[in-house]
PDB file of N, CA and C in Angstrom:
ATOM      1  N   MET A   1      46.016 116.504  80.784  1.00  0.00           N
ATOM      2  CA  MET A   1      46.205 116.983  80.630  1.00  0.00           C
ATOM      3  C   MET A   1      48.601 117.001  81.375  1.00  0.00           C
ATOM      4  N   ARG A   2      49.579 116.976  80.689  1.00  0.00           N
ATOM      5  CA  ARG A   2      50.594 116.883  80.895  1.00  0.00           C
ATOM      6  C   ARG A   2      50.815 118.187  81.674  1.00  0.00           C
ATOM      7  N   GLU A   3      51.364 117.524  82.949  1.00  0.00           N
ATOM      8  CA  GLU A   3      52.609 118.383  83.845  1.00  0.00           C
ATOM      9  C   GLU A   3      53.356 119.163  83.270  1.00  0.00           C
ATOM     10  N   LYS A   4      53.529 121.039  83.553  1.00  0.00           N
ATOM     11  CA  LYS A   4      53.746 121.949  82.915  1.00  0.00           C
ATOM     12  C   LYS A   4      55.614 121.769  83.899  1.00  0.00           C
ATOM     13  N   LYS A   5      56.634 121.489  83.052  1.00  0.00           N
ATOM     14  CA  LYS A   5      57.845 121.924  84.628  1.00  0.00           C
ATOM     15  C   LYS A   5      58.499 122.475  83.744  1.00  0.00           C
ATOM     16  N   PRO A   6      59.943 123.238  84.232  1.00  0.00           N
ATOM     17  CA  PRO A   6      61.116 124.285  83.589  1.00  0.00           C
ATOM     18  C   PRO A   6      61.793 123.110  82.712  1.00  0.00           C
ATOM     19  N   ALA A   7      62.507 124.016  82.183  1.00  0.00           N
ATOM     20  CA  ALA A   7      63.335 123.587  80.898  1.00  0.00           C
ATOM     21  C   ALA A   7      63.635 124.593  80.256  1.00  0.00           C
ATOM     22  N   LEU A   8      64.569 124.824  79.764  1.00  0.00           N
ATOM     23  CA  LEU A   8      65.889 125.494  79.718  1.00  0.00           C
ATOM     24  C   LEU A   8      65.236 125.341  77.271  1.00  0.00           C
ATOM     25  N   ILE A   9      65.301 125.821  78.144  1.00  0.00           N
ATOM     26  CA  ILE A   9      65.054 126.000  76.091  1.00  0.00           C
ATOM     27  C   ILE A   9      65.838 127.676  75.061  1.00  0.00           C
ATOM     28  N   VAL A  10      67.173 127.166  74.597  1.00  0.00           N
ATOM     29  CA  VAL A  10      67.837 127.451  73.263  1.00  0.00           C
ATOM     30  C   VAL A  10      67.009 127.262  71.889  1.00  0.00           C
ATOM     31  N   THR A  11      67.041 128.843  71.803  1.00  0.00           N
ATOM     32  CA  THR A  11      66.822 129.355  70.250  1.00  0.00           C
ATOM     33  C   THR A  11      67.777 129.162  70.036  1.00  0.00           C
ATOM     34  N   PHE A  12      67.633 129.439  68.119  1.00  0.00           N
ATOM     35  CA  PHE A  12      68.428 129.378  66.847  1.00  0.00           C
ATOM     36  C   PHE A  12      67.807 130.692  65.639  1.00  0.00           C
ATOM     37  N   ALA A  13      68.288 131.627  65.094  1.00  0.00           N
ATOM     38  CA  ALA A  13      68.453 132.151  64.726  1.00  0.00           C
ATOM     39  C   ALA A  13      67.864 131.545  62.756  1.00  0.00           C
ATOM     40  N   THR A  14      68.221 130.930  62.803  1.00  0.00           N
ATOM     41  CA  THR A  14      67.875 129.891  60.928  1.00  0.00           C
ATOM     42  C   THR A  14      68.688 128.160  61.880  1.00  0.00           C
ATOM     43  N   THR A  15      66.803 127.214  60.721  1.00  0.00           N
ATOM     44  CA  THR A  15      67.354 126.246  61.229  1.00  0.00           C
ATOM     45  C   THR A  15      68.496 125.590  61.001  1.00  0.00           C
ATOM     46  N   ALA A  16      69.310 125.498  60.046  1.00  0.00           N
ATOM     47  CA  ALA A  16      70.712 125.417  59.499  1.00  0.00           C
ATOM     48  C   ALA A  16      71.420 125.578  61.033  1.00  0.00           C
ATOM     49  N   ALA A  17      71.440 126.051  61.911  1.00  0.00           N
ATOM     50  CA  ALA A  17      72.348 126.529  63.095  1.00  0.00           C
ATOM     51  C   ALA A  17      71.733 125.395  64.362  1.00  0.00           C
ATOM     52  N   ALA A  18      70.698 125.639  64.143  1.00  0.00           N
ATOM     53  CA  ALA A  18      68.884 125.011  65.111  1.00  0.00           C
ATOM     54  C   ALA A  18      69.781 122.934  64.579  1.00  0.00           C
ATOM     55  N   MET A  19      70.152 122.999  63.531  1.00  0.00           N
ATOM     56  CA  MET A  19      70.637 121.403  63.132  1.00  0.00           C
ATOM     57  C   MET A  19      72.125 121.384  63.517  1.00  0.00           C
ATOM     58  N   GLU A  20      72.686 121.832  63.402  1.00  0.00           N
ATOM     59  CA  GLU A  20      74.162 121.903  63.214  1.00  0.00           C
ATOM     60  C   GLU A  20      74.312 121.722  64.747  1.00  0.00           C
ATOM     61  N   ALA A  21      73.358 122.279  66.119  1.00  0.00           N
ATOM     62  CA  ALA A  21      73.895 122.393  67.494  1.00  0.00           C
ATOM     63  C   ALA A  21      73.222 120.636  67.828  1.00  0.00           C
ATOM     64  N   GLU A  22      72.361 120.667  67.219  1.00  0.00           N
ATOM     65  CA  GLU A  22      71.576 119.061  67.555  1.00  0.00           C
ATOM     66  C   GLU A  22      72.676 118.193  67.719  1.00  0.00           C
ATOM     67  N   SER A  23      73.352 117.919  66.178  1.00  0.00           N
ATOM     68  CA  SER A  23      73.877 117.616  65.510  1.00  0.00           C
ATOM     69  C   SER A  23      75.422 117.332  66.643  1.00  0.00           C
ATOM     70  N   PHE A  24      75.933 118.613  66.791  1.00  0.00           N
ATOM     71  CA  PHE A  24      77.117 118.672  68.130  1.00  0.00           C
ATOM     72  C   PHE A  24      76.369 117.801  69.868  1.00  0.00           C
ATOM     73  N   CYS A  25      75.494 118.298  70.137  1.00  0.00           N
ATOM     74  CA  CYS A  25      74.649 118.084  71.462  1.00  0.00           C
ATOM     75  C   CYS A  25      74.620 116.432  71.503  1.00  0.00           C
ATOM     76  N   LEU A  26      74.706 115.759  70.719  1.00  0.00           N
ATOM     77  CA  LEU A  26      73.773 114.400  70.625  1.00  0.00           C
ATOM     78  C   LEU A  26      75.498 113.114  70.337  1.00  0.00           C
ATOM     79  N   ALA A  27      75.826 114.395  69.429  1.00  0.00           N
ATOM     80  CA  ALA A  27      77.187 113.561  69.549  1.00  0.00           C
ATOM     81  C   ALA A  27      78.334 113.904  70.735  1.00  0.00           C
ATOM     82  N   ARG A  28      77.517 114.513  71.095  1.00  0.00           N
ATOM     83  CA  ARG A  28      79.047 114.384  72.644  1.00  0.00           C
ATOM     84  C   ARG A  28      77.689 114.171  73.972  1.00  0.00           C
ATOM     85  N   GLN A  29      76.636 113.953  73.785  1.00  0.00           N
ATOM     86  CA  GLN A  29      75.962 113.372  74.584  1.00  0.00           C
ATOM     87  C   GLN A  29      75.812 114.754  75.531  1.00  0.00           C
ATOM     88  N   LEU A  30      74.438 115.582  75.495  1.00  0.00           N
ATOM     89  CA  LEU A  30      74.519 116.138  75.628  1.00  0.00           C
ATOM     90  C   LEU A  30      72.706 116.427  76.534  1.00  0.00           C
ATOM     91  N   PRO A  31      72.706 117.286  77.801  1.00  0.00           N
ATOM     92  CA  PRO A  31      70.808 117.077  77.409  1.00  0.00           C
ATOM     93  C   PRO A  31      70.668 117.547  76.589  1.00  0.00           C
ATOM     94  N   GLY A  32      69.386 116.557  76.338  1.00  0.00           N
ATOM     95  CA  GLY A  32      68.469 118.002  75.919  1.00  0.00           C
ATOM     96  C   GLY A  32      68.232 116.343  74.495  1.00  0.00           C
ATOM     97  N   ARG A  33      66.601 117.498  73.630  1.00  0.00           N
ATOM     98  CA  ARG A  33      66.619 116.927  72.312  1.00  0.00           C
ATOM     99  C   ARG A  33      65.568 118.022  72.123  1.00  0.00           C
ATOM    100  N   ILE A  34      65.790 118.650  70.386  1.00  0.00           N
ATOM    101  CA  ILE A  34      64.882 119.882  69.276  1.00  0.00           C
ATOM    102  C   ILE A  34      63.805 119.350  69.357  1.00  0.00           C
ATOM    103  N   ILE A  35      63.612 120.231  70.691  1.00  0.00           N
ATOM    104  CA  ILE A  35      61.612 120.329  69.745  1.00  0.00           C
ATOM    105  C   ILE A  35      61.176 121.772  68.987  1.00  0.00           C
ATOM    106  N   PRO A  36      59.688 121.962  67.861  1.00  0.00           N
ATOM    107  CA  PRO A  36      59.230 123.121  68.098  1.00  0.00           C
ATOM    108  C   PRO A  36      59.145 124.245  68.896  1.00  0.00           C
ATOM    109  N   VAL A  37      59.640 125.723  69.034  1.00  0.00           N
ATOM    110  CA  VAL A  37      59.895 126.412  69.608  1.00  0.00           C
ATOM    111  C   VAL A  37      58.353 127.023  69.980  1.00  0.00           C
ATOM    112  N   PRO A  38      58.860 126.925  72.008  1.00  0.00           N
ATOM    113  CA  PRO A  38      56.768 127.251  71.924  1.00  0.00           C
ATOM    114  C   PRO A  38      56.215 128.527  71.709  1.00  0.00           C
ATOM    115  N   ARG A  39      55.632 128.262  71.768  1.00  0.00           N
ATOM    116  CA  ARG A  39      54.366 129.618  71.298  1.00  0.00           C
ATOM    117  C   ARG A  39      54.863 130.608  72.804  1.00  0.00           C
ATOM    118  N   GLU A  40      55.863 131.173  73.185  1.00  0.00           N
ATOM    119  CA  GLU A  40      55.562 131.605  74.444  1.00  0.00           C
ATOM    120  C   GLU A  40      56.909 132.453  74.269  1.00  0.00           C
ATOM    121  N   ILE A  41      57.715 131.926  73.130  1.00  0.00           N
ATOM    122  CA  ILE A  41      59.244 133.038  72.275  1.00  0.00           C
ATOM    123  C   ILE A  41      58.768 132.905  70.869  1.00  0.00           C
ATOM    124  N   THR A  42      59.335 134.463  70.139  1.00  0.00           N
ATOM    125  CA  THR A  42      59.115 134.308  69.064  1.00  0.00           C
ATOM    126  C   THR A  42      61.174 134.037  67.621  1.00  0.00           C
ATOM    127  N   ALA A  43      60.583 132.910  67.905  1.00  0.00           N
ATOM    128  CA  ALA A  43      61.945 132.891  67.152  1.00  0.00           C
ATOM    129  C   ALA A  43      61.959 133.189  65.448  1.00  0.00           C
ATOM    130  N   GLY A  44      62.994 133.085  65.121  1.00  0.00           N
ATOM    131  CA  GLY A  44      63.857 133.148  63.773  1.00  0.00           C
ATOM    132  C   GLY A  44      63.358 131.740  63.414  1.00  0.00           C
ATOM    133  N   CYS A  45      63.473 130.602  63.186  1.00  0.00           N
ATOM    134  CA  CYS A  45      63.689 129.682  62.900  1.00  0.00           C
ATOM    135  C   CYS A  45      62.838 128.565  63.444  1.00  0.00           C
ATOM    136  N   GLY A  46      61.876 128.534  64.259  1.00  0.00           N
ATOM    137  CA  GLY A  46      61.007 127.202  64.486  1.00  0.00           C
ATOM    138  C   GLY A  46      61.048 126.546  65.323  1.00  0.00           C
ATOM    139  N   LEU A  47      62.670 126.130  65.246  1.00  0.00           N
ATOM    140  CA  LEU A  47      63.215 125.086  66.125  1.00  0.00           C
ATOM    141  C   LEU A  47      64.342 125.732  66.874  1.00  0.00           C
ATOM    142  N   ALA A  48      64.034 124.911  68.511  1.00  0.00           N
ATOM    143  CA  ALA A  48      64.607 124.938  69.592  1.00  0.00           C
ATOM    144  C   ALA A  48      64.929 124.190  70.537  1.00  0.00           C
ATOM    145  N   TRP A  49      66.538 123.950  71.239  1.00  0.00           N
ATOM    146  CA  TRP A  49      67.010 122.541  72.145  1.00  0.00           C
ATOM    147  C   TRP A  49      65.847 122.701  73.334  1.00  0.00           C
ATOM    148  N   LYS A  50      65.398 122.149  73.490  1.00  0.00           N
ATOM    149  CA  LYS A  50      64.961 122.113  75.317  1.00  0.00           C
ATOM    150  C   LYS A  50      65.642 121.080  76.230  1.00  0.00           C
ATOM    151  N   ALA A  51      66.260 121.775  77.509  1.00  0.00           N
ATOM    152  CA  ALA A  51      67.085 120.977  78.242  1.00  0.00           C
ATOM    153  C   ALA A  51      67.139 120.482  79.907  1.00  0.00           C
ATOM    154  N   PRO A  52      67.265 120.285  80.278  1.00  0.00           N
ATOM    155  CA  PRO A  52      66.570 120.720  82.532  1.00  0.00           C
ATOM    156  C   PRO A  52      67.626 122.312  82.495  1.00  0.00           C
ATOM    157  N   PRO A  53      66.847 122.643  82.702  1.00  0.00           N
ATOM    158  CA  PRO A  53      67.933 123.908  83.646  1.00  0.00           C
ATOM    159  C   PRO A  53      68.956 123.915  84.038  1.00  0.00           C
ATOM    160  N   GLU A  54      69.545 122.822  85.124  1.00  0.00           N
ATOM    161  CA  GLU A  54      70.376 123.115  85.850  1.00  0.00           C
ATOM    162  C   GLU A  54      71.421 122.568  84.169  1.00  0.00           C
ATOM    163  N   ALA A  55      71.237 122.176  82.913  1.00  0.00           N
ATOM    164  CA  ALA A  55      72.444 121.533  82.165  1.00  0.00           C
ATOM    165  C   ALA A  55      72.771 123.388  81.115  1.00  0.00           C
ATOM    166  N   GLU A  56      72.468 125.009  81.595  1.00  0.00           N
ATOM    167  CA  GLU A  56      72.754 125.597  81.058  1.00  0.00           C
ATOM    168  C   GLU A  56      74.395 126.553  81.212  1.00  0.00           C
ATOM    169  N   ALA A  57      74.929 126.108  82.505  1.00  0.00           N
ATOM    170  CA  ALA A  57      76.200 126.025  81.448  1.00  0.00           C
ATOM    171  C   ALA A  57      76.718 125.510  81.184  1.00  0.00           C
ATOM    172  N   GLN A  58      76.959 124.263  81.309  1.00  0.00           N
ATOM    173  CA  GLN A  58      77.558 122.933  80.724  1.00  0.00           C
ATOM    174  C   GLN A  58      76.821 123.308  79.135  1.00  0.00           C
ATOM    175  N   LEU A  59      75.697 123.408  78.425  1.00  0.00           N
ATOM    176  CA  LEU A  59      74.777 123.870  77.648  1.00  0.00           C
ATOM    177  C   LEU A  59      75.958 125.190  77.276  1.00  0.00           C
ATOM    178  N   THR A  60      75.918 125.837  77.629  1.00  0.00           N
ATOM    179  CA  THR A  60      76.293 127.669  76.964  1.00  0.00           C
ATOM    180  C   THR A  60      78.226 127.276  76.805  1.00  0.00           C
ATOM    181  N   ASP A  61      78.481 126.247  78.137  1.00  0.00           N
ATOM    182  CA  ASP A  61      80.338 126.178  77.165  1.00  0.00           C
ATOM    183  C   ASP A  61      80.622 125.302  76.253  1.00  0.00           C
ATOM    184  N   ALA A  62      79.596 124.643  75.670  1.00  0.00           N
ATOM    185  CA  ALA A  62      80.356 124.388  74.662  1.00  0.00           C
ATOM    186  C   ALA A  62      79.959 123.892  73.716  1.00  0.00           C
ATOM    187  N   LEU A  63      78.331 124.440  73.493  1.00  0.00           N
ATOM    188  CA  LEU A  63      78.091 125.826  72.551  1.00  0.00           C
ATOM    189  C   LEU A  63      78.859 126.938  71.826  1.00  0.00           C
ATOM    190  N   ARG A  64      79.703 127.209  73.109  1.00  0.00           N
ATOM    191  CA  ARG A  64      80.725 128.633  72.714  1.00  0.00           C
ATOM    192  C   ARG A  64      82.353 127.937  72.715  1.00  0.00           C
ATOM    193  N   GLU A  65      82.759 126.815  72.742  1.00  0.00           N
ATOM    194  CA  GLU A  65      83.861 126.443  72.496  1.00  0.00           C
ATOM    195  C   GLU A  65      83.304 126.421  71.114  1.00  0.00           C
ATOM    196  N   ALA A  66      82.625 124.966  70.255  1.00  0.00           N
ATOM    197  CA  ALA A  66      82.615 124.186  70.042  1.00  0.00           C
ATOM    198  C   ALA A  66      81.794 125.898  68.365  1.00  0.00           C
ATOM    199  N   GLY A  67      81.963 127.019  68.679  1.00  0.00           N
ATOM    200  CA  GLY A  67      81.512 128.007  67.543  1.00  0.00           C
ATOM    201  C   GLY A  67      80.296 128.463  67.558  1.00  0.00           C
ATOM    202  N   LEU A  68      79.921 127.467  67.662  1.00  0.00           N
ATOM    203  CA  LEU A  68      77.951 127.275  67.498  1.00  0.00           C
ATOM    204  C   LEU A  68      77.429 128.069  67.917  1.00  0.00           C
ATOM    205  N   ALA A  69      76.602 129.193  67.535  1.00  0.00           N
ATOM    206  CA  ALA A  69      75.565 130.501  67.894  1.00  0.00           C
ATOM    207  C   ALA A  69      74.441 130.324  68.517  1.00  0.00           C
ATOM    208  N   TRP A  70      74.069 130.484  68.777  1.00  0.00           N
ATOM    209  CA  TRP A  70      72.309 131.121  69.690  1.00  0.00           C
ATOM    210  C   TRP A  70      71.919 132.427  69.581  1.00  0.00           C
ATOM    211  N   SER A  71      70.393 132.047  70.017  1.00  0.00           N
ATOM    212  CA  SER A  71      69.727 133.398  69.895  1.00  0.00           C
ATOM    213  C   SER A  71      69.410 134.485  71.219  1.00  0.00           C
ATOM    214  N   ALA A  72      69.301 132.385  71.948  1.00  0.00           N
ATOM    215  CA  ALA A  72      68.479 132.794  72.990  1.00  0.00           C
ATOM    216  C   ALA A  72      68.643 131.663  73.504  1.00  0.00           C
ATOM    217  N   MET A  73      68.635 132.327  75.402  1.00  0.00           N
ATOM    218  CA  MET A  73      67.888 130.933  76.365  1.00  0.00           C
ATOM    219  C   MET A  73      67.479 131.616  77.613  1.00  0.00           C
ATOM    220  N   GLN A  74      66.912 131.010  77.793  1.00  0.00           N
ATOM    221  CA  GLN A  74      65.434 130.837  79.170  1.00  0.00           C
ATOM    222  C   GLN A  74      65.376 129.700  79.345  1.00  0.00           C
ATOM    223  N   VAL A  75      64.589 129.819  80.757  1.00  0.00           N
ATOM    224  CA  VAL A  75      63.997 128.848  81.674  1.00  0.00           C
ATOM    225  C   VAL A  75      62.418 128.911  80.974  1.00  0.00           C
ATOM    226  N   LEU A  76      61.797 128.698  80.988  1.00  0.00           N
ATOM    227  CA  LEU A  76      60.125 128.850  80.856  1.00  0.00           C
ATOM    228  C   LEU A  76      59.176 127.337  81.810  1.00  0.00           C
ATOM    229  N   GLU A  77      58.560 128.098  81.759  1.00  0.00           N
ATOM    230  CA  GLU A  77      57.343 126.195  82.009  1.00  0.00           C
ATOM    231  C   GLU A  77      56.448 125.617  80.718  1.00  0.00           C
ATOM    232  N   VAL A  78      57.377 124.399  80.439  1.00  0.00           N
ATOM    233  CA  VAL A  78      56.713 123.238  79.419  1.00  0.00           C
ATOM    234  C   VAL A  78      56.134 122.627  79.408  1.00  0.00           C
TER     235      VAL A  78
END
């Protein structure tokens, strides 16, 4: 079984918002990747961005500057 580690999970209200954020993050080489929303979280679209917890400020600033909306950011053991 894979060892669980803390990860920053960013959820989105819609699939379109998640895909737009993924494209934005990949184009700017921001840390993370798109994943299915973990079971511990209830989210609208089923997709989330997973990144290292220490990337929270970087991601928050970048998404805010780009005008991209997210539902929630939280650190979970995944």
